[in-house]
C-alpha atoms as a PDB file:
ATOM      1  CA  MET A   1      -9.117  11.605  -1.691  1.00  0.00           C
ATOM      2  CA  ALA A   2     -10.208   8.785   1.100  1.00  0.00           C
ATOM      3  CA  VAL A   3     -10.682   6.423  -1.698  1.00  0.00           C
ATOM      4  CA  LYS A   4      -7.287   6.369  -2.560  1.00  0.00           C
ATOM      5  CA  GLY A   5      -5.662   6.608   1.321  1.00  0.00           C
ATOM      6  CA  ILE A   6      -7.509   3.692   2.115  1.00  0.00           C
ATOM      7  CA  LYS A   7      -6.368   1.856  -1.443  1.00  0.00           C
ATOM      8  CA  ARG A   8      -2.860   2.571  -0.049  1.00  0.00           C
ATOM      9  CA  LEU A   9      -3.606   0.965   3.274  1.00  0.00           C
ATOM     10  CA  GLN A  10      -5.428  -2.065   1.769  1.00  0.00           C
ATOM     11  CA  VAL A  11      -1.823  -2.460  -0.188  1.00  0.00           C
ATOM     12  CA  ILE A  12       0.126  -2.064   3.026  1.00  0.00           C
ATOM     13  CA  LEU A  13      -1.979  -4.529   4.622  1.00  0.00           C
ATOM     14  CA  ALA A  14      -2.037  -7.273   1.879  1.00  0.00           C
ATOM     15  CA  ILE A  15       2.161  -6.803   1.511  1.00  0.00           C
ATOM     16  CA  MET A  16       2.356  -7.423   5.292  1.00  0.00           C
ATOM     17  CA  TRP A  17      -0.135 -10.439   4.802  1.00  0.00           C
ATOM     18  CA  VAL A  18       2.451 -12.124   2.574  1.00  0.00           C
ATOM     19  CA  PHE A  19       5.411 -10.690   4.954  1.00  0.00           C
ATOM     20  CA  LEU A  20       3.713 -12.709   7.444  1.00  0.00           C
ATOM     21  CA  LEU A  21       3.297 -15.682   5.467  1.00  0.00           C
ATOM     22  CA  VAL A  22       6.479 -16.272   4.382  1.00  0.00           C
ATOM     23  CA  THR A  23       8.091 -15.526   7.801  1.00  0.00           C
ATOM     24  CA  ASP A  24       5.710 -17.944   9.012  1.00  0.00           C
ATOM     25  CA  ILE A  25       7.182 -20.548   6.522  1.00  0.00           C
ATOM     26  CA  TRP A  26      10.862 -19.378   7.570  1.00  0.00           C
ATOM     27  CA  LEU A  27      10.330 -19.620  11.006  1.00  0.00           C
ATOM     28  CA  SER A  28       8.441 -23.128  10.930  1.00  0.00           C
ATOM     29  CA  LEU A  29      11.268 -24.840   8.752  1.00  0.00           C
ATOM     30  CA  SER A  30      14.186 -23.564  10.167  1.00  0.00           C
ATOM     31  CA  PRO A  31      15.494 -26.117  12.396  1.00  0.00           C
ATOM     32  CA  GLY A  32      16.011 -25.046  16.075  1.00  0.00           C
ATOM     33  CA  VAL A  33      14.264 -22.207  16.104  1.00  0.00           C
ATOM     34  CA  ARG A  34      12.921 -21.366  19.626  1.00  0.00           C
ATOM     35  CA  PRO A  35      10.174 -19.007  20.964  1.00  0.00           C
ATOM     36  CA  PRO A  36      12.214 -15.768  22.825  1.00  0.00           C
ATOM     37  CA  TYR A  37       9.899 -16.199  25.961  1.00  0.00           C
ATOM     38  CA  GLU A  38       9.684 -19.847  26.562  1.00  0.00           C
ATOM     39  CA  PHE A  39       7.192 -21.656  29.109  1.00  0.00           C
ATOM     40  CA  GLU A  40       5.078 -24.758  28.800  1.00  0.00           C
ATOM     41  CA  GLN A  41       3.462 -24.545  25.603  1.00  0.00           C
ATOM     42  CA  SER A  42       4.732 -20.904  25.087  1.00  0.00           C
ATOM     43  CA  ASP A  43       4.743 -22.029  21.167  1.00  0.00           C
ATOM     44  CA  LYS A  44       1.050 -22.810  20.917  1.00  0.00           C
ATOM     45  CA  PHE A  45       0.349 -18.727  21.929  1.00  0.00           C
ATOM     46  CA  TYR A  46       3.020 -18.103  18.617  1.00  0.00           C
ATOM     47  CA  HIS A  47       0.826 -20.649  16.491  1.00  0.00           C
ATOM     48  CA  MET A  48      -2.018 -18.893  17.279  1.00  0.00           C
ATOM     49  CA  GLY A  49      -1.039 -15.457  16.962  1.00  0.00           C
ATOM     50  CA  MET A  50       0.470 -16.194  13.333  1.00  0.00           C
ATOM     51  CA  TYR A  51      -2.459 -17.830  12.570  1.00  0.00           C
ATOM     52  CA  PHE A  52      -4.744 -15.139  14.032  1.00  0.00           C
ATOM     53  CA  LEU A  53      -2.956 -12.819  11.925  1.00  0.00           C
ATOM     54  CA  LEU A  54      -2.803 -14.529   9.080  1.00  0.00           C
ATOM     55  CA  SER A  55      -6.934 -15.188   8.870  1.00  0.00           C
ATOM     56  CA  LEU A  56      -8.152 -11.738  10.147  1.00  0.00           C
ATOM     57  CA  MET A  57      -5.782  -9.699   7.835  1.00  0.00           C
ATOM     58  CA  PRO A  58      -7.376 -10.761   4.439  1.00  0.00           C
ATOM     59  CA  PHE A  59     -10.957  -9.630   6.093  1.00  0.00           C
ATOM     60  CA  VAL A  60      -9.369  -6.256   6.862  1.00  0.00           C
ATOM     61  CA  TYR A  61      -7.756  -5.446   3.307  1.00  0.00           C
ATOM     62  CA  SER A  62     -10.227  -7.775   1.065  1.00  0.00           C
ATOM     63  CA  ILE A  63     -13.689  -6.130  -0.145  1.00  0.00           C
ATOM     64  CA  ASN A  64     -14.608  -9.387  -1.516  1.00  0.00           C
ATOM     65  CA  ILE A  65     -15.550 -11.840   1.651  1.00  0.00           C
ATOM     66  CA  THR A  66     -15.281 -14.953  -0.703  1.00  0.00           C
ATOM     67  CA  LYS A  67     -11.556 -14.446  -1.235  1.00  0.00           C
ATOM     68  CA  ALA A  68     -10.761 -13.175   2.257  1.00  0.00           C
ATOM     69  CA  THR A  69     -12.339 -16.715   3.553  1.00  0.00           C
ATOM     70  CA  PHE A  70     -10.451 -18.643   0.819  1.00  0.00           C
ATOM     71  CA  LEU A  71      -7.125 -16.604   2.226  1.00  0.00           C
ATOM     72  CA  SER A  72      -7.952 -17.314   5.937  1.00  0.00           C
ATOM     73  CA  LEU A  73      -8.929 -21.226   5.271  1.00  0.00           C
ATOM     74  CA  MET A  74      -5.656 -21.369   2.873  1.00  0.00           C
ATOM     75  CA  SER A  75      -3.766 -20.543   5.935  1.00  0.00           C
ATOM     76  CA  LEU A  76      -5.151 -23.695   7.486  1.00  0.00           C
ATOM     77  CA  MET A  77      -3.573 -25.816   4.811  1.00  0.00           C
ATOM     78  CA  VAL A  78      -0.374 -24.149   4.989  1.00  0.00           C
ATOM     79  CA  GLY A  79      -0.385 -24.749   8.812  1.00  0.00           C
ATOM     80  CA  ILE A  80      -0.708 -28.515   8.589  1.00  0.00           C
ATOM     81  CA  ILE A  81       1.321 -28.761   5.411  1.00  0.00           C
ATOM     82  CA  LEU A  82       4.033 -27.059   7.602  1.00  0.00           C
ATOM     83  CA  GLU A  83       3.793 -29.176  10.477  1.00  0.00           C
ATOM     84  CA  TYR A  84       3.909 -32.331   8.382  1.00  0.00           C
ATOM     85  CA  ILE A  85       7.243 -31.329   6.763  1.00  0.00           C
ATOM     86  CA  GLN A  86       8.793 -30.992  10.422  1.00  0.00           C
ATOM     87  CA  PHE A  87       8.576 -34.830  10.327  1.00  0.00           C
ATOM     88  CA  PHE A  88      11.779 -34.030   7.985  1.00  0.00           C
ATOM     89  CA  VAL A  89      13.529 -30.921   9.447  1.00  0.00           C
ATOM     90  CA  PRO A  90      15.999 -31.425  12.178  1.00  0.00           C
ATOM     91  CA  PHE A  91      15.182 -30.471  15.539  1.00  0.00           C
ATOM     92  CA  ARG A  92      11.581 -30.170  14.717  1.00  0.00           C
ATOM     93  CA  GLU A  93       8.470 -32.463  15.361  1.00  0.00           C
ATOM     94  CA  PHE A  94       5.156 -32.602  13.682  1.00  0.00           C
ATOM     95  CA  SER A  95       2.453 -31.866  16.417  1.00  0.00           C
ATOM     96  CA  ILE A  96      -1.110 -32.057  16.526  1.00  0.00           C
ATOM     97  CA  MET A  97      -1.777 -29.589  19.288  1.00  0.00           C
ATOM     98  CA  ASP A  98       0.317 -27.004  17.051  1.00  0.00           C
ATOM     99  CA  ILE A  99      -2.165 -27.756  14.290  1.00  0.00           C
ATOM    100  CA  CYS A 100      -4.799 -26.953  17.074  1.00  0.00           C
ATOM    101  CA  ALA A 101      -3.489 -23.816  18.160  1.00  0.00           C
ATOM    102  CA  ASN A 102      -3.031 -22.512  14.289  1.00  0.00           C
ATOM    103  CA  GLU A 103      -6.869 -23.635  13.979  1.00  0.00           C
ATOM    104  CA  LEU A 104      -7.961 -21.319  16.969  1.00  0.00           C
ATOM    105  CA  GLY A 105      -6.029 -18.889  15.849  1.00  0.00           C
ATOM    106  CA  ILE A 106      -7.601 -18.633  12.598  1.00  0.00           C
ATOM    107  CA  LEU A 107     -11.676 -19.336  13.829  1.00  0.00           C
ATOM    108  CA  LEU A 108     -10.599 -16.413  16.005  1.00  0.00           C
ATOM    109  CA  GLY A 109      -9.404 -14.065  13.356  1.00  0.00           C
ATOM    110  CA  ILE A 110     -12.519 -15.430  10.968  1.00  0.00           C
ATOM    111  CA  ILE A 111     -14.821 -14.460  13.854  1.00  0.00           C
ATOM    112  CA  ILE A 112     -13.122 -11.127  14.896  1.00  0.00           C
ATOM    113  CA  GLY A 113     -12.362 -10.327  10.670  1.00  0.00           C
ATOM    114  CA  VAL A 114     -16.159 -10.350  10.527  1.00  0.00           C
ATOM    115  CA  ARG A 115     -17.115  -8.577  12.915  1.00  0.00           C
ATOM    116  CA  ILE A 116     -14.575  -5.945  11.544  1.00  0.00           C
ATOM    117  CA  ARG A 117     -15.354  -5.673   8.178  1.00  0.00           C
ATOM    118  CA  ARG A 118     -19.086  -5.266   8.904  1.00  0.00           C
ATOM    119  CA  TYR A 119     -17.947  -2.226  11.050  1.00  0.00           C
ATOM    120  CA  LEU A 120     -15.480  -0.736   8.204  1.00  0.00           C
ATOM    121  CA  TYR A 121     -17.727  -1.395   5.567  1.00  0.00           C
ATOM    122  CA  GLY A 122     -21.255  -2.620   6.440  1.00  0.00           C
ATOM    123  CA  LYS A 123     -22.000   0.701   8.097  1.00  0.00           C
ATOM    124  CA  GLY A 124     -19.819   3.457   5.371  1.00  0.00           C
ATOM    125  CA  LYS A 125     -17.369   4.162   7.508  1.00  0.00           C
ATOM    126  CA  ILE A 126     -14.736   3.845   4.880  1.00  0.00           C
ATOM    127  CA  TYR A 127     -15.875   4.178   0.998  1.00  0.00           C
ATOM    128  CA  VAL A 128     -16.308   0.692  -0.327  1.00  0.00           C
ATOM    129  CA  LEU A 129     -13.837   0.014  -3.336  1.00  0.00           C
ATOM    130  CA  PRO A 130     -15.198  -1.077  -6.580  1.00  0.00           C
ATOM    131  CA  SER A 131     -12.572  -3.984  -6.656  1.00  0.00           C
ATOM    132  CA  SER A 132     -10.282  -5.845  -4.250  1.00  0.00           C
ATOM    133  CA  LEU A 133      -6.466  -6.432  -4.481  1.00  0.00           C
ATOM    134  CA  PHE A 134      -6.965 -10.386  -3.281  1.00  0.00           C
END
């Protein structure tokens, strides 16, 4: 029974990851979207937070560490491509600092994700499923 609950949690987290990815793409390509709370360089915190979550979640919901690492690094490529596309979106601009914020979020997500996965899967706190979703 515990395995069923864990599998359900993995599915929910995988769906949340896809939702975050789609939300990131939509926000990055929408002209004139502004952060809800603005202060100098506030968008860097939003970039870092979004990419932190995009890189952390695969380590929690996927048992296969290779797939989790691939998905985390794929989010880096998505961030770079989206930033480049912003050259062509009205009222948006390309920013190397946004890419750096994305990278920092991904790095933190991977570091914390590996620690969480060691706790969850390495010490037997949760049953390890025979296969992962992604």
